[in-house]
């Protein structure tokens, strides 16, 4: 039961993070094509961004086609040949010049009431925004804009509760009332439980939540996270109830023995902290002042620095989390590993520390942490219980030589340098691609977005994987040289490959080679035979 609740929390947190990412892209006045392209098409009409159309507050967006200095204009930014200026305003007191039209933009779910001095000439509604055109006044006047919910309270509550009750009711009808058990009826309520709360509440109830709480964070928690969690948890509870109340072919104990989504206590804590930290980071982005966003998106060196800082934070969190979740035990003083440790140290001329990952009998792997750099006290090598169970001491020695090769050949420093270069290239590509994409309309935006995605994939996947394969060949060469027996090393590689294939199972999809960080077994064997004439 606890594990089911934890999985539901994780799924709800992931869906919430996806919604926050959409909000950050769609409602940023510096990056949203839905805001900037519309402003560009009507350059002379100022746009009032209110009603949570952006997540920073209430701002007037104006555009000029000149090259003014940005001095004294902290909220000015340039895209293409257009010069944009944001001015913070109070919606209760908005100055409207004589003969000047104005567009008022709110998020979907929020309407506006405008003082009697002006009238709404037209309005347009999309999935994300409501847009109103205010007719020009005969003389300069000050108008007041009041925000209200677009949908009635009864409809809002009906949609809110229905978004998480409907999937569980369908699950109950399919599995208990009608006893329908095709694959579609098993999975459809869970798919609905993930999508329905997001789509309905994002469109219909989040505006009401924002007006009620005045907080993006609380509205996302109440309108996205909570309904998503309840929908998934209630649907899972219905299936649990169905299995408990009927004699099913697959009993609960049998399902639990499969180990599906089983986590140790440390893995549960680590995953919880990771997901909580990710959500907290996204929430923190909502509280950053708009002037900071303008500076980061306008100055290339600040954008690159921000991107690198996020990259290093992810690397540090990943390494620390991986070590914590591993729950390692030092086995270097226990026989027969003490003798193995001594033999490896004598061959390599360096101190070695051997660690076993607890509760890992179903895993077959060994690794070293190459980033950050190795400890001066020695090289720490980590092995799983499955590796220690399935391999002889001679084969383990061959594997340890390979891992030591990564450290001796300074692959960690090279990986770090390659990562920094790739991230600088990616951030530079993103910075200048954004300027061009948002400066020339939807055609350029769509085309350059696809080109940029290909470039990012090349820099984030293909190039690092290509370098990683080269490092694997070098570590193989080092291991064979230390071992002095190429045949033994090749037999060890073949055995490791066969066991890994068996652990993955026949249902695991085969990944394309360019996505792999290791060369294929055939290429590794061919490389070794070519070097040593085996």
Protein backbone atom coordinates (compact mmCIF):
# COMPACT_ATOMS: atom_id res chain seq x y z
CA UNK A 1 0.00 0.00 0.00
CA UNK A 2 2.80 2.39 0.90
CA UNK A 3 4.64 1.54 -2.31
CA UNK A 4 1.48 2.20 -4.37
CA UNK A 5 1.00 5.59 -2.70
CA UNK A 6 4.65 6.45 -3.30
CA UNK A 7 4.40 5.57 -7.00
CA UNK A 8 1.25 7.70 -7.28
CA UNK A 9 3.09 10.62 -5.66
CA UNK A 10 5.98 10.24 -8.11
CA UNK A 11 3.70 10.18 -11.15
CA UNK A 12 1.75 13.21 -9.88
CA UNK A 13 5.00 15.07 -9.20
CA UNK A 14 6.28 14.29 -12.70
CA UNK A 15 3.05 15.53 -14.29
CA UNK A 16 3.18 18.67 -12.14
CA UNK A 17 6.76 19.35 -13.27
CA UNK A 18 5.61 18.98 -16.91
CA UNK A 19 2.86 21.56 -16.37
CA UNK A 20 5.31 23.98 -14.71
CA UNK A 21 7.68 23.60 -17.65
CA UNK A 22 4.83 24.44 -20.04
CA UNK A 23 3.95 27.48 -17.92
CA UNK A 24 7.55 28.71 -17.96
CA UNK A 25 7.70 28.47 -21.76
CA UNK A 26 4.21 29.68 -22.70
CA UNK A 27 3.94 32.55 -20.19
CA UNK A 28 7.41 34.05 -20.38
CA UNK A 29 7.13 37.51 -21.98
CA UNK A 30 10.70 37.11 -23.34
CA UNK A 31 10.36 33.61 -24.83
CA UNK A 32 6.70 32.88 -25.57
CA UNK A 33 5.95 32.94 -29.32
CA UNK A 34 2.24 33.14 -28.46
CA UNK A 35 2.86 36.56 -26.86
CA UNK A 36 5.66 37.98 -29.00
CA UNK A 37 4.41 37.01 -32.47
CA UNK A 38 1.02 38.53 -31.74
CA UNK A 39 2.70 41.73 -30.55
CA UNK A 40 4.86 41.84 -33.66
CA UNK A 41 1.84 41.58 -35.98
CA UNK A 42 0.31 44.67 -34.33
CA UNK A 43 3.38 46.67 -33.39
CA UNK A 44 1.55 49.93 -32.69
CA UNK A 45 -0.94 48.39 -30.25
CA UNK A 46 0.39 48.05 -26.67
CA UNK A 47 -0.44 44.79 -24.93
CA UNK A 48 -1.44 44.65 -21.28
CA UNK A 49 -0.30 41.31 -19.82
CA UNK A 50 -2.52 40.75 -16.79
CA UNK A 51 -4.76 38.06 -15.32
CA UNK A 52 -1.81 35.65 -14.89
CA UNK A 53 -1.14 35.61 -18.64
CA UNK A 54 2.47 35.77 -17.42
CA UNK A 55 3.64 34.58 -14.01
CA UNK A 56 5.47 37.75 -12.94
CA UNK A 57 2.65 40.24 -12.33
CA UNK A 58 1.02 42.95 -14.47
CA UNK A 59 3.04 44.48 -17.30
CA UNK A 60 2.49 46.63 -20.38
CA UNK A 61 4.36 45.30 -23.43
CA UNK A 62 5.25 47.88 -26.10
CA UNK A 63 7.35 47.51 -29.23
CA UNK A 64 9.52 49.95 -31.19
CA UNK A 65 11.53 49.43 -34.36
CA UNK A 66 14.67 51.32 -33.46
CA UNK A 67 17.99 50.84 -31.71
CA UNK A 68 17.62 52.79 -28.50
CA UNK A 69 20.07 52.34 -25.68
CA UNK A 70 18.87 50.10 -22.87
CA UNK A 71 20.20 52.46 -20.21
CA UNK A 72 17.55 53.26 -17.65
CA UNK A 73 15.31 50.58 -19.15
CA UNK A 74 15.92 47.42 -17.10
CA UNK A 75 12.98 45.58 -18.69
CA UNK A 76 13.94 46.25 -22.33
CA UNK A 77 14.98 43.45 -24.65
CA UNK A 78 15.60 43.08 -28.36
CA UNK A 79 14.59 40.25 -30.69
CA UNK A 80 15.49 40.60 -34.36
CA UNK A 81 14.92 44.23 -35.38
CA UNK A 82 12.25 44.80 -32.74
CA UNK A 83 12.87 46.57 -29.46
CA UNK A 84 10.48 45.44 -26.70
CA UNK A 85 9.80 47.32 -23.49
CA UNK A 86 7.98 46.00 -20.42
CA UNK A 87 6.52 48.44 -17.90
CA UNK A 88 5.05 47.31 -14.60
CA UNK A 89 1.55 48.72 -14.04
CA UNK A 90 -1.39 48.43 -11.65
CA UNK A 91 -4.52 47.10 -13.41
CA UNK A 92 -6.73 49.33 -11.23
CA UNK A 93 -5.13 52.42 -12.76
CA UNK A 94 -4.11 52.03 -16.43
CA UNK A 95 -3.51 55.11 -18.56
CA UNK A 96 -5.05 54.92 -22.04
CA UNK A 97 -4.06 57.75 -24.46
CA UNK A 98 -6.69 59.33 -26.68
CA UNK A 99 -7.33 57.38 -29.87
CA UNK A 100 -5.09 54.52 -28.70
CA UNK A 101 -6.25 50.93 -28.92
CA UNK A 102 -5.00 48.47 -26.30
CA UNK A 103 -5.04 44.72 -26.11
CA UNK A 104 -5.57 43.05 -22.74
CA UNK A 105 -4.35 39.47 -22.36
CA UNK A 106 -5.31 37.09 -19.54
CA UNK A 107 -4.80 33.37 -19.08
CA UNK A 108 -7.68 31.08 -19.98
CA UNK A 109 -10.03 30.79 -17.01
CA UNK A 110 -9.79 34.49 -16.08
CA UNK A 111 -12.05 37.23 -17.47
CA UNK A 112 -11.83 40.99 -17.09
CA UNK A 113 -14.29 43.69 -16.06
CA UNK A 114 -13.30 47.09 -17.45
CA UNK A 115 -14.56 50.45 -16.17
CA UNK A 116 -17.39 52.16 -18.06
CA UNK A 117 -15.04 54.74 -19.61
CA UNK A 118 -14.11 52.24 -22.35
CA UNK A 119 -15.65 49.25 -24.03
CA UNK A 120 -14.37 45.90 -25.25
CA UNK A 121 -14.37 46.02 -29.04
CA UNK A 122 -13.55 42.34 -29.63
CA UNK A 123 -12.26 39.29 -27.82
CA UNK A 124 -10.46 36.13 -28.87
CA UNK A 125 -10.04 32.91 -26.91
CA UNK A 126 -7.45 30.16 -27.31
CA UNK A 127 -6.41 27.22 -25.15
CA UNK A 128 -3.89 29.33 -23.22
CA UNK A 129 -5.11 32.94 -23.45
CA UNK A 130 -8.07 35.29 -23.56
CA UNK A 131 -7.37 38.46 -25.54
CA UNK A 132 -9.53 41.59 -25.49
CA UNK A 133 -9.24 44.69 -27.71
CA UNK A 134 -10.21 47.91 -25.92
CA UNK A 135 -11.73 50.55 -28.18
CA UNK A 136 -9.92 53.90 -28.30
CA UNK A 137 -11.07 56.65 -25.96
CA UNK A 138 -11.88 60.17 -27.17
CA UNK A 139 -9.52 61.67 -24.63
CA UNK A 140 -6.75 60.34 -22.44
CA UNK A 141 -8.30 58.47 -19.60
CA UNK A 142 -7.48 56.14 -16.74
CA UNK A 143 -9.24 52.80 -16.74
CA UNK A 144 -9.66 50.14 -14.06
CA UNK A 145 -9.45 46.43 -14.84
CA UNK A 146 -10.92 43.89 -12.43
CA UNK A 147 -10.24 40.16 -12.71
CA UNK A 148 -12.87 37.46 -12.28
CA UNK A 149 -13.26 33.77 -13.01
CA UNK A 150 -14.30 32.95 -16.56
CA UNK A 151 -16.27 29.90 -15.45
CA UNK A 152 -18.95 29.69 -12.77
CA UNK A 153 -18.24 28.19 -9.36
CA UNK A 154 -20.59 25.22 -9.90
CA UNK A 155 -18.95 24.28 -13.21
CA UNK A 156 -15.47 24.75 -11.73
CA UNK A 157 -16.21 22.43 -8.78
CA UNK A 158 -17.91 19.86 -11.05
CA UNK A 159 -14.85 19.72 -13.31
CA UNK A 160 -12.42 19.70 -10.38
CA UNK A 161 -14.00 16.71 -8.62
CA UNK A 162 -14.89 14.95 -11.86
CA UNK A 163 -11.29 15.12 -13.06
CA UNK A 164 -10.11 12.66 -10.41
CA UNK A 165 -13.33 10.71 -9.75
CA UNK A 166 -14.19 9.80 -13.36
CA UNK A 167 -11.11 7.56 -14.03
CA UNK A 168 -11.67 5.58 -10.83
CA UNK A 169 -15.39 5.21 -11.60
CA UNK A 170 -14.53 3.88 -15.06
CA UNK A 171 -12.06 1.43 -13.51
CA UNK A 172 -14.77 0.25 -11.11
CA UNK A 173 -17.28 -0.17 -13.94
CA UNK A 174 -14.86 -2.03 -16.22
CA UNK A 175 -13.42 -4.40 -13.63
CA UNK A 176 -16.09 -4.90 -10.97
CA UNK A 177 -19.52 -4.12 -12.42
CA UNK A 178 -19.11 -5.44 -15.98
CA UNK A 179 -16.00 -7.60 -15.37
CA UNK A 180 -14.40 -6.49 -18.64
CA UNK A 181 -10.74 -7.53 -18.66
CA UNK A 182 -9.29 -6.79 -22.11
CA UNK A 183 -5.98 -4.96 -22.11
CA UNK A 184 -7.63 -1.68 -23.17
CA UNK A 185 -9.96 -1.54 -20.16
CA UNK A 186 -7.04 -2.30 -17.81
CA UNK A 187 -4.86 0.57 -19.00
CA UNK A 188 -7.37 3.17 -20.22
CA UNK A 189 -8.48 4.36 -16.73
CA UNK A 190 -4.82 4.88 -15.73
CA UNK A 191 -4.10 6.83 -18.92
CA UNK A 192 -7.21 8.90 -18.21
CA UNK A 193 -6.12 9.39 -14.59
CA UNK A 194 -2.87 10.93 -15.81
CA UNK A 195 -4.28 13.15 -18.56
CA UNK A 196 -7.75 14.21 -17.42
CA UNK A 197 -6.74 16.16 -14.26
CA UNK A 198 -4.06 18.01 -16.24
CA UNK A 199 -6.15 19.01 -19.24
CA UNK A 200 -9.38 19.87 -17.42
CA UNK A 201 -7.90 21.62 -14.40
CA UNK A 202 -5.28 23.52 -16.39
CA UNK A 203 -8.00 24.89 -18.67
CA UNK A 204 -10.98 25.30 -16.33
CA UNK A 205 -9.97 25.48 -12.64
CA UNK A 206 -6.44 26.87 -12.42
CA UNK A 207 -7.62 30.41 -13.15
CA UNK A 208 -10.03 30.19 -10.22
CA UNK A 209 -7.25 28.78 -8.06
CA UNK A 210 -4.96 31.68 -8.96
CA UNK A 211 -7.63 34.24 -8.10
CA UNK A 212 -8.40 32.42 -4.85
CA UNK A 213 -4.81 31.94 -3.61
CA UNK A 214 -2.93 34.69 -5.44
CA UNK A 215 -0.03 32.25 -5.71
CA UNK A 216 1.24 30.24 -8.66
CA UNK A 217 2.75 27.64 -6.35
CA UNK A 218 -0.41 27.01 -4.34
CA UNK A 219 -2.65 27.01 -7.41
CA UNK A 220 -0.45 24.40 -9.12
CA UNK A 221 -0.44 22.25 -5.98
CA UNK A 222 -4.23 22.48 -5.54
CA UNK A 223 -5.29 22.34 -9.20
CA UNK A 224 -2.67 20.06 -10.77
CA UNK A 225 -0.70 17.99 -8.24
CA UNK A 226 -3.55 17.10 -5.85
CA UNK A 227 -6.13 16.03 -8.52
CA UNK A 228 -3.47 14.06 -10.42
CA UNK A 229 -2.42 12.21 -7.26
CA UNK A 230 -6.02 11.50 -6.24
CA UNK A 231 -6.96 10.28 -9.73
CA UNK A 232 -4.06 7.82 -9.94
CA UNK A 233 -4.37 6.70 -6.29
CA UNK A 234 -8.13 6.10 -6.49
CA UNK A 235 -7.81 4.21 -9.78
CA UNK A 236 -5.06 2.03 -8.29
CA UNK A 237 -7.22 1.45 -5.18
CA UNK A 238 -10.09 0.23 -7.38
CA UNK A 239 -7.84 -2.34 -9.01
CA UNK A 240 -6.55 -3.37 -5.60
CA UNK A 241 -10.13 -3.78 -4.39
CA UNK A 242 -11.05 -5.84 -7.46
CA UNK A 243 -8.11 -8.20 -7.00
CA UNK A 244 -8.87 -8.63 -3.30
CA UNK A 245 -12.56 -9.32 -3.82
CA UNK A 246 -12.27 -11.87 -6.61
CA UNK A 247 -10.29 -15.05 -7.24
CA UNK A 248 -8.00 -13.82 -9.96
CA UNK A 249 -5.53 -15.89 -11.92
CA UNK A 250 -2.71 -13.62 -10.73
CA UNK A 251 -2.86 -13.16 -6.98
CA UNK A 252 -1.39 -10.20 -5.13
CA UNK A 253 1.48 -12.19 -3.55
CA UNK A 254 2.47 -13.44 -7.02
CA UNK A 255 2.44 -9.88 -8.35
CA UNK A 256 4.59 -8.67 -5.46
CA UNK A 257 7.14 -11.44 -6.06
CA UNK A 258 7.85 -10.09 -9.54
CA UNK A 259 9.66 -7.16 -7.97
CA UNK A 260 7.96 -4.72 -10.34
CA UNK A 261 8.88 -1.18 -9.32
CA UNK A 262 10.53 -2.44 -6.15
CA UNK A 263 12.83 0.05 -4.44
CA UNK A 264 15.04 -0.26 -1.41
CA UNK A 265 14.65 2.21 1.45
CA UNK A 266 17.65 4.25 0.26
CA UNK A 267 16.33 4.28 -3.31
CA UNK A 268 12.94 5.49 -2.06
CA UNK A 269 14.57 8.30 -0.07
CA UNK A 270 16.88 9.24 -2.93
CA UNK A 271 14.09 9.31 -5.54
CA UNK A 272 11.89 11.33 -3.18
CA UNK A 273 14.63 13.90 -2.59
CA UNK A 274 15.41 14.08 -6.30
CA UNK A 275 11.79 14.63 -7.31
CA UNK A 276 11.21 17.08 -4.45
CA UNK A 277 14.33 19.03 -5.39
CA UNK A 278 13.26 19.19 -9.04
CA UNK A 279 9.82 20.50 -8.10
CA UNK A 280 11.39 23.04 -5.72
CA UNK A 281 13.72 24.25 -8.48
CA UNK A 282 10.79 24.85 -10.83
CA UNK A 283 8.88 26.63 -8.08
CA UNK A 284 11.92 28.83 -7.42
CA UNK A 285 11.89 29.94 -11.07
CA UNK A 286 8.43 31.45 -10.54
CA UNK A 287 9.79 33.75 -7.82
CA UNK A 288 12.77 35.15 -9.77
CA UNK A 289 12.24 38.86 -10.61
CA UNK A 290 11.46 39.69 -14.22
CA UNK A 291 14.51 41.98 -14.45
CA UNK A 292 16.77 38.96 -13.76
CA UNK A 293 15.09 37.00 -16.56
CA UNK A 294 15.59 39.91 -18.96
CA UNK A 295 19.30 40.11 -18.14
CA UNK A 296 19.83 36.36 -18.53
CA UNK A 297 18.01 36.17 -21.87
CA UNK A 298 19.63 39.35 -23.26
CA UNK A 299 23.28 38.80 -22.31
CA UNK A 300 24.88 35.73 -23.87
CA UNK A 301 27.52 35.31 -21.15
CA UNK A 302 24.87 35.32 -18.39
CA UNK A 303 22.80 32.79 -20.33
CA UNK A 304 25.80 30.48 -20.75
CA UNK A 305 26.74 30.90 -17.07
CA UNK A 306 23.18 30.02 -16.02
CA UNK A 307 23.13 26.95 -18.28
CA UNK A 308 26.52 25.74 -16.99
CA UNK A 309 25.44 26.22 -13.37
CA UNK A 310 22.34 24.07 -13.96
CA UNK A 311 24.51 21.42 -15.67
CA UNK A 312 27.00 21.26 -12.79
CA UNK A 313 24.17 21.14 -10.26
CA UNK A 314 22.66 18.14 -12.08
CA UNK A 315 26.06 16.39 -12.21
CA UNK A 316 26.70 16.91 -8.50
CA UNK A 317 23.19 15.83 -7.50
CA UNK A 318 23.40 12.74 -9.74
CA UNK A 319 26.79 11.65 -8.34
CA UNK A 320 25.80 12.29 -4.71
CA UNK A 321 22.42 10.61 -5.19
CA UNK A 322 23.96 7.57 -6.92
CA UNK A 323 26.43 7.09 -4.06
CA UNK A 324 23.73 7.46 -1.42
CA UNK A 325 21.29 5.08 -3.12
CA UNK A 326 24.03 2.48 -3.66
CA UNK A 327 24.38 1.67 0.07
CA UNK A 328 27.94 0.36 -0.29
CA UNK A 329 29.98 -1.90 1.97
CA UNK A 330 33.80 -1.97 2.00
CA UNK A 331 34.90 -5.54 1.19
CA UNK A 332 38.60 -4.85 0.65
CA UNK A 333 39.55 -6.46 3.99
CA UNK A 334 37.53 -9.64 3.45
CA UNK A 335 38.91 -12.74 1.75
CA UNK A 336 39.11 -13.57 -1.09
CA UNK A 337 38.74 -9.90 -2.07
CA UNK A 338 41.66 -8.80 0.11
CA UNK A 339 44.01 -10.96 -1.98
CA UNK A 340 42.38 -9.72 -5.18
CA UNK A 341 42.81 -6.13 -4.00
CA UNK A 342 46.50 -6.71 -3.20
CA UNK A 343 47.19 -8.29 -6.62
CA UNK A 344 45.51 -5.41 -8.45
CA UNK A 345 47.39 -2.80 -6.39
CA UNK A 346 50.74 -4.43 -7.13
CA UNK A 347 50.00 -4.57 -10.87
CA UNK A 348 48.78 -0.97 -11.14
CA UNK A 349 50.97 0.69 -8.50
CA UNK A 350 48.08 2.49 -6.83
CA UNK A 351 45.81 2.02 -3.81
CA UNK A 352 42.44 0.43 -4.54
CA UNK A 353 39.31 0.33 -2.39
CA UNK A 354 36.67 -2.30 -3.20
CA UNK A 355 33.00 -1.70 -2.37
CA UNK A 356 29.97 -3.95 -2.72
CA UNK A 357 26.53 -2.56 -3.46
CA UNK A 358 24.07 -4.16 -1.06
CA UNK A 359 20.81 -5.72 -2.26
CA UNK A 360 22.10 -6.04 -5.83
CA UNK A 361 22.05 -9.79 -6.53
CA UNK A 362 20.02 -9.19 -9.69
CA UNK A 363 22.52 -6.66 -11.08
CA UNK A 364 25.80 -7.44 -12.83
CA UNK A 365 28.01 -4.40 -13.07
CA UNK A 366 31.14 -2.61 -11.86
CA UNK A 367 32.00 1.07 -12.08
CA UNK A 368 34.08 3.97 -10.82
CA UNK A 369 33.04 7.58 -10.34
CA UNK A 370 35.20 9.54 -12.76
CA UNK A 371 33.54 12.91 -12.00
CA UNK A 372 34.52 14.46 -9.67
CA UNK A 373 38.14 13.34 -9.75
CA UNK A 374 39.34 10.24 -7.95
CA UNK A 375 40.25 10.47 -4.29
CA UNK A 376 43.91 10.83 -3.37
CA UNK A 377 43.44 7.98 -0.88
CA UNK A 378 42.99 5.54 -3.72
CA UNK A 379 40.67 4.44 -6.50
CA UNK A 380 37.21 3.43 -5.30
CA UNK A 381 35.73 0.61 -7.37
CA UNK A 382 32.11 -0.47 -6.88
CA UNK A 383 30.71 -3.91 -7.68
CA UNK A 384 27.29 -5.49 -7.46
CA UNK A 385 26.55 -8.76 -5.66
CA UNK A 386 25.48 -10.28 -8.98
CA UNK A 387 28.92 -9.60 -10.48
CA UNK A 388 30.70 -11.13 -7.48
CA UNK A 389 28.44 -14.20 -7.63
CA UNK A 390 28.78 -14.93 -11.36
CA UNK A 391 32.48 -14.26 -12.00
CA UNK A 392 35.68 -15.94 -10.88
CA UNK A 393 38.49 -14.02 -9.18
CA UNK A 394 40.51 -13.98 -12.41
CA UNK A 395 37.54 -12.56 -14.32
CA UNK A 396 36.90 -10.00 -11.57
CA UNK A 397 40.53 -8.96 -11.81
CA UNK A 398 40.09 -8.32 -15.55
CA UNK A 399 37.03 -6.17 -14.85
CA UNK A 400 38.84 -4.22 -12.11
CA UNK A 401 41.75 -3.48 -14.45
CA UNK A 402 39.26 -2.04 -16.94
CA UNK A 403 37.75 0.30 -14.32
CA UNK A 404 41.20 1.37 -13.10
CA UNK A 405 42.07 2.17 -16.70
CA UNK A 406 39.39 4.88 -16.76
CA UNK A 407 41.06 6.62 -13.81
CA UNK A 408 44.67 6.09 -14.92
CA UNK A 409 43.93 7.47 -18.38
CA UNK A 410 42.23 10.54 -16.82
CA UNK A 411 38.93 9.90 -18.53
CA UNK A 412 37.13 11.78 -15.75
CA UNK A 413 38.90 15.04 -16.56
CA UNK A 414 38.37 14.55 -20.27
CA UNK A 415 34.67 13.85 -19.69
CA UNK A 416 34.39 17.00 -17.60
CA UNK A 417 36.16 19.10 -20.25
CA UNK A 418 34.00 17.59 -23.01
CA UNK A 419 30.84 18.25 -20.98
CA UNK A 420 31.79 21.90 -20.44
CA UNK A 421 32.53 22.41 -24.14
CA UNK A 422 29.29 20.69 -25.17
CA UNK A 423 27.21 22.74 -22.71
CA UNK A 424 28.80 26.00 -23.87
CA UNK A 425 28.01 25.04 -27.48
CA UNK A 426 24.43 24.03 -26.60
CA UNK A 427 23.74 27.18 -24.58
CA UNK A 428 25.19 29.36 -27.35
CA UNK A 429 23.03 27.56 -29.91
CA UNK A 430 19.93 28.02 -27.75
CA UNK A 431 20.68 31.71 -27.11
CA UNK A 432 21.14 32.76 -30.74
CA UNK A 433 18.52 30.36 -32.12
CA UNK A 434 15.95 31.95 -29.80
CA UNK A 435 16.79 35.41 -31.13
CA UNK A 436 16.28 34.29 -34.73
CA UNK A 437 13.27 32.02 -34.08
CA UNK A 438 11.31 34.73 -32.28
CA UNK A 439 12.38 37.48 -34.65
CA UNK A 440 10.99 36.18 -37.96
CA UNK A 441 7.65 34.47 -37.35
CA UNK A 442 6.21 30.96 -37.05
CA UNK A 443 7.88 29.60 -40.20
CA UNK A 444 11.39 30.36 -38.96
CA UNK A 445 10.38 29.31 -35.44
CA UNK A 446 9.21 25.83 -36.52
CA UNK A 447 12.13 25.26 -38.90
CA UNK A 448 14.85 26.46 -36.53
CA UNK A 449 13.32 24.64 -33.56
CA UNK A 450 13.66 21.32 -35.39
CA UNK A 451 17.20 22.16 -36.52
CA UNK A 452 18.15 23.23 -32.99
CA UNK A 453 16.73 20.02 -31.53
CA UNK A 454 18.90 17.99 -33.92
CA UNK A 455 21.94 20.05 -32.89
CA UNK A 456 21.19 19.59 -29.19
CA UNK A 457 20.78 15.81 -29.64
CA UNK A 458 24.09 15.67 -31.50
CA UNK A 459 25.89 17.60 -28.76
CA UNK A 460 24.18 15.87 -25.82
CA UNK A 461 23.98 12.28 -27.07
CA UNK A 462 25.94 11.46 -30.21
CA UNK A 463 29.21 13.30 -29.42
CA UNK A 464 29.49 12.22 -25.73
CA UNK A 465 28.60 8.62 -26.67
CA UNK A 466 31.19 8.66 -29.44
CA UNK A 467 33.86 9.82 -26.97
CA UNK A 468 32.66 7.30 -24.37
CA UNK A 469 33.13 4.45 -26.86
CA UNK A 470 36.69 5.63 -27.49
CA UNK A 471 37.35 5.64 -23.73
CA UNK A 472 35.99 2.09 -23.45
CA UNK A 473 38.43 0.89 -26.09
CA UNK A 474 41.31 2.61 -24.26
CA UNK A 475 40.25 1.05 -20.92
CA UNK A 476 40.06 -2.37 -22.62
CA UNK A 477 43.59 -1.90 -23.95
CA UNK A 478 44.86 -0.91 -20.49
CA UNK A 479 43.15 -3.91 -18.86
CA UNK A 480 44.60 -6.42 -21.35
CA UNK A 481 48.06 -4.93 -20.89
CA UNK A 482 47.85 -5.29 -17.10
CA UNK A 483 46.23 -8.71 -17.24
CA UNK A 484 48.62 -10.13 -19.83
CA UNK A 485 45.95 -12.47 -21.18
CA UNK A 486 43.82 -11.20 -24.04
CA UNK A 487 41.88 -14.50 -24.34
CA UNK A 488 40.78 -14.33 -20.68
CA UNK A 489 39.69 -10.72 -21.10
CA UNK A 490 37.64 -11.51 -24.22
CA UNK A 491 35.96 -14.47 -22.46
CA UNK A 492 35.12 -12.13 -19.57
CA UNK A 493 33.57 -9.59 -21.97
CA UNK A 494 31.49 -12.30 -23.66
CA UNK A 495 30.29 -13.65 -20.31
CA UNK A 496 29.41 -10.17 -19.06
CA UNK A 497 27.53 -9.44 -22.28
CA UNK A 498 25.54 -12.71 -22.10
CA UNK A 499 24.53 -12.16 -18.48
CA UNK A 500 23.50 -8.56 -19.21
CA UNK A 501 21.36 -9.73 -22.14
CA UNK A 502 19.71 -12.31 -19.89
CA UNK A 503 19.00 -9.72 -17.18
CA UNK A 504 17.45 -7.29 -19.66
CA UNK A 505 15.09 -9.96 -20.98
CA UNK A 506 13.58 -10.46 -24.39
CA UNK A 507 11.05 -7.66 -23.93
CA UNK A 508 13.71 -4.97 -23.51
CA UNK A 509 13.84 -2.95 -26.76
CA UNK A 510 17.21 -2.94 -28.48
CA UNK A 511 18.70 0.54 -28.63
CA UNK A 512 20.51 1.82 -31.69
CA UNK A 513 24.28 1.73 -31.38
CA UNK A 514 24.72 5.51 -31.60
CA UNK A 515 22.64 5.83 -28.42
CA UNK A 516 24.87 3.41 -26.49
CA UNK A 517 27.83 4.56 -24.37
CA UNK A 518 29.71 1.27 -24.94
CA UNK A 519 30.86 -0.16 -28.26
CA UNK A 520 29.22 -3.39 -29.37
CA UNK A 521 30.75 -6.65 -28.15
CA UNK A 522 31.96 -7.48 -31.66
CA UNK A 523 33.76 -4.14 -32.03
CA UNK A 524 35.44 -4.49 -28.61
CA UNK A 525 36.66 -8.00 -29.43
CA UNK A 526 37.85 -6.91 -32.90
CA UNK A 527 39.74 -3.96 -31.35
CA UNK A 528 41.50 -6.18 -28.79
CA UNK A 529 42.42 -8.83 -31.35
CA UNK A 530 43.75 -6.15 -33.67
CA UNK A 531 46.06 -4.79 -30.95
CA UNK A 532 47.34 -8.07 -29.60
CA UNK A 533 47.15 -10.32 -32.66
CA UNK A 534 44.91 -12.88 -30.97
